[in-house]
Amino acid sequence: MRLRLGSLSSSEVSSYPGRNENWAGVTDTGHSVFVKRLKGSPGESRKRYRRIVAFERLANGGARPFPRPEFLGGDEGHRLLVFRMLDDIRSGSELAAEKEFTESMSARAGRTLAALHRLPFREEDFPEPDPHPFPPVDDLRSLPLETYVHATGAFVQAWGLLQRDAALLEELERLRAAEDRAARVPVHGDLRLDQFLLADTAFHVNDWEEFRLGDPARDVGAYVGEWLHRAVLRIPAQETDDAFSAVLTHEEVVARGSEELARVLPLISAFHRGYREGGGPEDDGLVVRATSYAGWHLIDRLIASTRESGRLSAIVRAAAGIGRTALLDPRSFVRTVGLGEAS
């Protein structure tokens, strides 16, 4: 496909960290663009490309424009996608790190997610079954050899902890079964704060490689889990692996944990309020499943932290422990994580 946008000069482009190759800059014809090339195996990268295109097709058919970077075109064969570059953007993770993510922003994020979950669709828009790969219950029963061979020591250690946890595995299987029974809607599938981009006064949502039909509780829980994870990571006095055990006493850990949780709960509650105001689907069990997914998010962050690390961080293990507690008894923790009351 020829987009006639001109060329990018290699000396005047920027790139950002991530799992894909990307380039951002102004072409010689004056177009400000962000170009992404999907990495991965041919089959897997093709699926991710087609999910992005499927989202764009669905979003264009909505009653009102869905806020996201404008898609200008792509080339499936080369896994290339071109978007119009947003000016003066700040990601949600940047705002959160600087404590500038406000309750009104969180409510706006909730309304934005509700708009996604309300997008009208037809079954033919999703012609092939595409279940979400996480939580990977089968792998937690038996890790594939190729994954094991290429794993870090920290990954093997973390996976061993999870595989030996029979109660956790049972709850994850129950969560996947509950997802199968839930009414399916369009979901982001990999929602994190860094995928909310603030430009002017509007939130744009980015990165649609895991877009599919799914349980709306997955996205709600991921947002909640993001804030819980940040709250736990802020407990240590120093950013070192042993800060959790060596710097703080038990009483200090409890006090700081309570303080950090009190800081993020209003943001989660504002998000949930915005989600309901935006007409997000909310069946009787959604907040319970969302609490489970928030718990899984904390465990998933543990797994993600091990991919290039030789050992497990104590504070990340602590966060995963909190996630496990929420997963084992989600109904009792709905209010604790800021989602109101379980019905």
Protein backbone atom coordinates (compact mmCIF):
# COMPACT_ATOMS: atom_id res chain seq x y z
CA MET A 1 0.00 0.00 0.00
CA ARG A 2 1.34 3.43 -0.99
CA LEU A 3 0.39 6.16 1.48
CA ARG A 4 2.26 8.99 -0.27
CA LEU A 5 3.47 10.41 3.03
CA GLY A 6 7.07 10.89 1.97
CA SER A 7 10.19 9.50 3.62
CA LEU A 8 11.76 9.67 7.06
CA SER A 9 15.38 10.71 7.34
CA SER A 10 17.38 8.25 9.46
CA SER A 11 19.16 11.15 11.17
CA GLU A 12 15.93 12.81 12.30
CA VAL A 13 13.84 9.99 13.72
CA SER A 14 13.25 8.84 17.27
CA SER A 15 12.57 5.36 18.58
CA TYR A 16 10.94 4.18 21.79
CA PRO A 17 11.53 1.05 23.87
CA GLY A 18 9.09 -1.80 23.32
CA ARG A 19 8.69 -5.26 21.87
CA ASN A 20 8.36 -3.92 18.30
CA GLU A 21 10.57 -1.79 16.10
CA ASN A 22 9.31 1.78 15.77
CA TRP A 23 10.28 5.13 14.32
CA ALA A 24 8.78 8.59 14.85
CA GLY A 25 9.46 11.79 12.99
CA VAL A 26 8.41 14.24 10.29
CA THR A 27 8.62 13.08 6.66
CA ASP A 28 10.14 15.14 3.89
CA THR A 29 6.60 16.09 2.86
CA GLY A 30 5.75 17.44 6.30
CA HIS A 31 3.74 14.56 7.78
CA SER A 32 4.32 13.77 11.45
CA VAL A 33 4.13 9.97 11.73
CA PHE A 34 4.74 7.04 14.05
CA VAL A 35 5.73 3.84 12.24
CA LYS A 36 5.63 0.42 13.89
CA ARG A 37 6.95 -2.89 12.59
CA LEU A 38 5.66 -5.90 14.49
CA LYS A 39 8.26 -8.43 15.56
CA GLY A 40 7.71 -12.10 16.31
CA SER A 41 7.09 -15.30 14.39
CA PRO A 42 5.25 -14.95 11.06
CA GLY A 43 2.02 -16.51 12.33
CA GLU A 44 1.94 -14.71 15.68
CA SER A 45 2.84 -11.28 14.24
CA ARG A 46 0.19 -11.70 11.52
CA LYS A 47 -2.45 -12.29 14.19
CA ARG A 48 -1.39 -9.13 16.04
CA TYR A 49 -1.46 -7.11 12.82
CA ARG A 50 -4.95 -8.33 11.97
CA ARG A 51 -6.21 -7.53 15.47
CA ILE A 52 -5.05 -3.94 15.08
CA VAL A 53 -6.77 -3.65 11.70
CA ALA A 54 -9.92 -5.27 13.11
CA PHE A 55 -10.01 -2.73 15.91
CA GLU A 56 -9.61 0.17 13.47
CA ARG A 57 -12.43 -1.16 11.33
CA LEU A 58 -14.72 -1.53 14.34
CA ALA A 59 -13.78 1.83 15.87
CA ASN A 60 -14.50 3.60 12.58
CA GLY A 61 -18.01 2.17 12.60
CA GLY A 62 -18.89 3.46 16.08
CA ALA A 63 -21.46 6.16 16.75
CA ARG A 64 -18.69 8.61 17.67
CA PRO A 65 -14.93 8.60 17.06
CA PHE A 66 -13.01 6.47 19.53
CA PRO A 67 -9.99 8.38 20.90
CA ARG A 68 -6.82 6.78 19.56
CA PRO A 69 -3.87 7.81 17.36
CA GLU A 70 -5.10 8.09 13.76
CA PHE A 71 -4.29 5.01 11.71
CA LEU A 72 -3.00 6.03 8.28
CA GLY A 73 -2.41 2.63 6.76
CA GLY A 74 -0.32 -0.52 6.84
CA ASP A 75 1.33 -3.37 5.00
CA GLU A 76 0.42 -6.83 6.32
CA GLY A 77 3.24 -8.59 4.47
CA HIS A 78 5.88 -6.46 6.14
CA ARG A 79 3.88 -6.05 9.41
CA LEU A 80 4.19 -2.27 9.06
CA LEU A 81 1.63 0.16 10.53
CA VAL A 82 1.64 3.94 10.21
CA PHE A 83 -0.11 6.34 12.59
CA ARG A 84 -0.31 10.10 12.74
CA MET A 85 2.00 11.25 15.52
CA LEU A 86 0.31 12.98 18.45
CA ASP A 87 1.97 16.19 19.60
CA ASP A 88 2.98 16.97 23.18
CA ILE A 89 1.74 13.71 24.64
CA ARG A 90 2.22 12.36 28.13
CA SER A 91 1.52 8.74 28.94
CA GLY A 92 -0.57 7.66 31.88
CA SER A 93 2.49 5.99 33.41
CA GLU A 94 4.42 9.28 33.26
CA LEU A 95 1.56 11.13 34.90
CA ALA A 96 1.27 8.44 37.58
CA ALA A 97 5.01 8.49 38.31
CA GLU A 98 4.89 12.26 38.80
CA LYS A 99 1.69 11.99 40.88
CA GLU A 100 -0.16 14.12 38.32
CA PHE A 101 -2.76 11.51 37.39
CA THR A 102 -5.90 13.04 38.87
CA GLU A 103 -9.26 11.56 39.82
CA SER A 104 -10.89 13.40 36.93
CA MET A 105 -8.38 11.81 34.54
CA SER A 106 -9.13 8.40 36.03
CA ALA A 107 -12.88 8.95 35.58
CA ARG A 108 -12.18 9.95 31.97
CA ALA A 109 -10.19 6.73 31.51
CA GLY A 110 -13.21 4.80 32.82
CA ARG A 111 -15.55 6.49 30.36
CA THR A 112 -13.11 5.80 27.53
CA LEU A 113 -12.97 2.11 28.41
CA ALA A 114 -16.76 1.97 28.63
CA ALA A 115 -16.95 3.39 25.09
CA LEU A 116 -14.69 0.58 23.88
CA HIS A 117 -16.78 -2.08 25.57
CA ARG A 118 -19.94 -0.61 24.04
CA LEU A 119 -18.68 -0.62 20.44
CA PRO A 120 -21.29 -2.36 18.27
CA PHE A 121 -20.05 -5.46 16.49
CA ARG A 122 -21.22 -8.43 14.48
CA GLU A 123 -20.00 -11.98 14.93
CA GLU A 124 -18.51 -11.84 11.42
CA ASP A 125 -16.23 -9.02 12.61
CA PHE A 126 -14.41 -11.74 14.56
CA PRO A 127 -14.47 -14.72 12.19
CA GLU A 128 -12.01 -16.95 14.08
CA PRO A 129 -11.88 -17.98 17.75
CA ASP A 130 -9.14 -16.02 19.48
CA PRO A 131 -9.07 -16.79 23.21
CA HIS A 132 -6.74 -14.67 25.31
CA PRO A 133 -3.51 -16.50 26.20
CA PHE A 134 -3.40 -15.28 29.82
CA PRO A 135 -3.60 -16.52 32.50
CA PRO A 136 -1.73 -19.45 30.85
CA VAL A 137 -3.30 -22.26 32.86
CA ASP A 138 -1.93 -25.05 30.63
CA ASP A 139 1.62 -23.71 30.87
CA LEU A 140 1.26 -23.48 34.62
CA ARG A 141 0.56 -27.19 34.60
CA SER A 142 3.46 -28.00 32.28
CA LEU A 143 5.95 -25.43 30.95
CA PRO A 144 6.84 -25.93 27.25
CA LEU A 145 10.42 -27.11 26.73
CA GLU A 146 11.33 -24.21 24.42
CA THR A 147 10.19 -21.69 27.05
CA TYR A 148 12.20 -23.47 29.73
CA VAL A 149 15.37 -23.62 27.63
CA HIS A 150 15.33 -19.87 26.99
CA ALA A 151 14.15 -18.85 30.47
CA THR A 152 16.15 -16.84 33.01
CA GLY A 153 16.83 -18.20 36.48
CA ALA A 154 14.28 -15.77 37.92
CA PHE A 155 11.63 -16.93 35.46
CA VAL A 156 12.15 -20.59 36.36
CA GLN A 157 12.05 -19.72 40.06
CA ALA A 158 8.81 -17.73 39.67
CA TRP A 159 7.20 -20.41 37.51
CA GLY A 160 8.10 -23.06 40.06
CA LEU A 161 6.40 -21.09 42.81
CA LEU A 162 3.24 -20.79 40.71
CA GLN A 163 3.20 -24.40 39.53
CA ARG A 164 3.36 -25.72 43.08
CA ASP A 165 0.45 -23.54 44.20
CA ALA A 166 -2.52 -25.86 43.72
CA ALA A 167 -5.03 -23.41 45.22
CA LEU A 168 -3.90 -20.64 42.87
CA LEU A 169 -4.11 -22.89 39.81
CA GLU A 170 -7.63 -23.93 40.76
CA GLU A 171 -8.74 -20.29 41.04
CA LEU A 172 -7.13 -19.41 37.70
CA GLU A 173 -8.98 -22.27 36.05
CA ARG A 174 -12.19 -21.05 37.65
CA LEU A 175 -11.51 -17.52 36.35
CA ARG A 176 -10.99 -18.78 32.81
CA ALA A 177 -14.25 -20.74 33.04
CA ALA A 178 -16.08 -17.63 34.31
CA GLU A 179 -14.65 -15.67 31.38
CA ASP A 180 -16.07 -18.22 28.96
CA ARG A 181 -19.54 -17.73 30.49
CA ALA A 182 -19.41 -13.90 30.49
CA ALA A 183 -21.01 -11.84 27.73
CA ARG A 184 -18.26 -10.98 25.26
CA VAL A 185 -17.50 -7.43 24.18
CA PRO A 186 -14.58 -5.78 22.34
CA VAL A 187 -11.68 -5.57 24.83
CA HIS A 188 -8.21 -4.07 24.69
CA GLY A 189 -6.69 -7.22 26.18
CA ASP A 190 -3.41 -5.68 27.41
CA LEU A 191 -4.46 -2.51 29.19
CA ARG A 192 -1.75 -0.60 31.06
CA LEU A 193 -1.32 3.01 32.11
CA ASP A 194 1.36 3.64 29.51
CA GLN A 195 -1.22 2.93 26.80
CA PHE A 196 -3.28 5.96 27.84
CA LEU A 197 -1.84 8.97 26.00
CA LEU A 198 -2.88 12.44 27.11
CA ALA A 199 -2.87 15.01 24.31
CA ASP A 200 -4.45 18.38 25.03
CA THR A 201 -7.36 17.32 27.26
CA ALA A 202 -8.17 13.99 25.58
CA PHE A 203 -7.05 10.49 26.47
CA HIS A 204 -6.07 8.38 23.47
CA VAL A 205 -5.68 4.61 23.87
CA ASN A 206 -2.78 2.93 22.10
CA ASP A 207 -1.46 -0.57 21.25
CA TRP A 208 -4.28 -2.81 20.02
CA GLU A 209 -2.28 -5.97 19.31
CA GLU A 210 -4.29 -8.02 21.82
CA PHE A 211 -7.71 -6.66 20.76
CA ARG A 212 -10.41 -9.32 20.60
CA LEU A 213 -13.81 -10.24 22.01
CA GLY A 214 -13.58 -11.01 25.70
CA ASP A 215 -14.77 -10.41 29.23
CA PRO A 216 -14.92 -6.65 30.01
CA ALA A 217 -13.76 -7.51 33.54
CA ARG A 218 -10.33 -8.29 32.08
CA ASP A 219 -9.72 -4.64 31.11
CA VAL A 220 -11.28 -3.27 34.29
CA GLY A 221 -9.14 -5.57 36.40
CA ALA A 222 -5.97 -4.68 34.49
CA TYR A 223 -6.53 -0.98 35.22
CA VAL A 224 -7.11 -1.71 38.91
CA GLY A 225 -4.06 -3.99 38.98
CA GLU A 226 -1.87 -1.26 37.49
CA TRP A 227 -2.60 1.05 40.42
CA LEU A 228 -2.26 -1.69 43.03
CA HIS A 229 1.09 -2.71 41.56
CA ARG A 230 2.35 0.87 41.67
CA ALA A 231 1.18 1.25 45.25
CA VAL A 232 3.12 -1.83 46.38
CA LEU A 233 6.27 -0.86 44.49
CA ARG A 234 6.33 2.48 46.31
CA ILE A 235 6.50 0.85 49.76
CA PRO A 236 10.32 0.47 49.99
CA ALA A 237 12.36 3.43 51.17
CA GLN A 238 15.00 2.72 48.53
CA GLU A 239 14.85 1.32 45.03
CA THR A 240 16.92 -1.78 45.79
CA ASP A 241 16.08 -5.47 45.75
CA ASP A 242 16.64 -5.86 49.48
CA ALA A 243 14.91 -2.63 50.53
CA PHE A 244 11.72 -4.45 51.40
CA SER A 245 13.36 -6.71 53.98
CA ALA A 246 16.39 -4.72 55.12
CA VAL A 247 15.27 -1.10 55.31
CA LEU A 248 11.73 -1.28 56.66
CA THR A 249 10.37 -2.94 59.76
CA HIS A 250 7.13 -4.92 59.55
CA GLU A 251 5.25 -2.03 61.15
CA GLU A 252 6.71 0.39 58.60
CA VAL A 253 5.76 -1.89 55.72
CA VAL A 254 2.17 -2.09 56.94
CA ALA A 255 1.96 1.67 57.50
CA ARG A 256 3.43 2.54 54.11
CA GLY A 257 1.29 -0.04 52.37
CA SER A 258 -1.83 1.42 53.94
CA GLU A 259 -0.72 4.92 52.98
CA GLU A 260 -0.05 3.98 49.36
CA LEU A 261 -3.32 2.05 49.06
CA ALA A 262 -5.22 5.05 50.46
CA ARG A 263 -3.56 7.19 47.78
CA VAL A 264 -4.62 5.05 44.81
CA LEU A 265 -8.09 3.92 45.93
CA PRO A 266 -9.75 7.27 45.05
CA LEU A 267 -8.28 6.93 41.54
CA ILE A 268 -9.68 3.41 41.16
CA SER A 269 -13.08 4.47 42.52
CA ALA A 270 -13.16 7.45 40.13
CA PHE A 271 -12.32 5.13 37.23
CA HIS A 272 -15.13 2.73 38.19
CA ARG A 273 -17.56 5.61 38.54
CA GLY A 274 -16.59 6.91 35.09
CA TYR A 275 -16.95 3.42 33.65
CA ARG A 276 -20.50 3.11 35.01
CA GLU A 277 -21.41 6.64 33.89
CA GLY A 278 -20.11 5.80 30.42
CA GLY A 279 -22.48 2.85 30.19
CA GLY A 280 -19.91 0.13 30.55
CA PRO A 281 -21.47 -3.34 30.76
CA GLU A 282 -21.70 -4.41 34.38
CA ASP A 283 -23.23 -7.79 35.07
CA ASP A 284 -23.69 -9.10 38.60
CA GLY A 285 -20.27 -10.73 38.76
CA LEU A 286 -18.16 -8.19 36.86
CA VAL A 287 -16.51 -6.50 39.86
CA VAL A 288 -15.69 -9.91 41.39
CA ARG A 289 -14.06 -11.12 38.16
CA ALA A 290 -12.32 -7.73 37.79
CA THR A 291 -10.86 -8.18 41.28
CA SER A 292 -9.56 -11.59 40.20
CA TYR A 293 -8.02 -10.07 37.09
CA ALA A 294 -6.44 -7.34 39.21
CA GLY A 295 -4.87 -10.09 41.29
CA TRP A 296 -3.65 -11.86 38.15
CA HIS A 297 -2.18 -8.56 36.91
CA LEU A 298 0.09 -8.43 39.98
CA ILE A 299 1.25 -11.99 39.33
CA ASP A 300 1.73 -11.23 35.63
CA ARG A 301 3.95 -8.28 36.59
CA LEU A 302 6.05 -10.72 38.61
CA ILE A 303 6.46 -12.95 35.55
CA ALA A 304 7.26 -9.96 33.31
CA SER A 305 9.97 -8.80 35.72
CA THR A 306 11.81 -12.13 35.39
CA ARG A 307 12.33 -12.21 31.64
CA GLU A 308 15.68 -10.42 31.79
CA SER A 309 16.53 -10.82 35.46
CA GLY A 310 18.65 -13.35 37.28
CA ARG A 311 16.69 -13.26 40.54
CA LEU A 312 13.31 -12.34 41.91
CA SER A 313 12.85 -8.95 43.54
CA ALA A 314 11.46 -9.12 47.07
CA ILE A 315 9.01 -6.27 46.53
CA VAL A 316 7.67 -7.76 43.27
CA ARG A 317 7.17 -11.07 45.09
CA ALA A 318 5.28 -9.18 47.77
CA ALA A 319 3.02 -7.62 45.10
CA ALA A 320 2.37 -11.07 43.61
CA GLY A 321 1.47 -12.33 47.08
CA ILE A 322 -1.17 -9.62 47.35
CA GLY A 323 -2.44 -10.63 43.92
CA ARG A 324 -2.69 -14.24 45.02
CA THR A 325 -4.74 -13.22 48.06
CA ALA A 326 -7.17 -11.29 45.85
CA LEU A 327 -7.45 -14.21 43.44
CA LEU A 328 -8.20 -16.77 46.13
CA ASP A 329 -11.07 -14.74 47.61
CA PRO A 330 -12.03 -11.99 45.15
CA ARG A 331 -15.51 -11.36 46.55
CA SER A 332 -14.05 -10.34 49.91
CA PHE A 333 -11.64 -7.87 48.27
CA VAL A 334 -13.95 -5.99 45.89
CA ARG A 335 -14.35 -3.07 48.29
CA THR A 336 -10.69 -3.23 49.33
CA VAL A 337 -9.52 -2.61 45.75
CA GLY A 338 -11.92 0.28 45.19
CA LEU A 339 -14.68 -1.36 43.13
CA GLY A 340 -17.55 -0.86 45.57
CA GLU A 341 -19.61 -3.80 46.79
CA ALA A 342 -19.87 -7.29 45.34
CA SER A 343 -23.44 -8.12 44.35
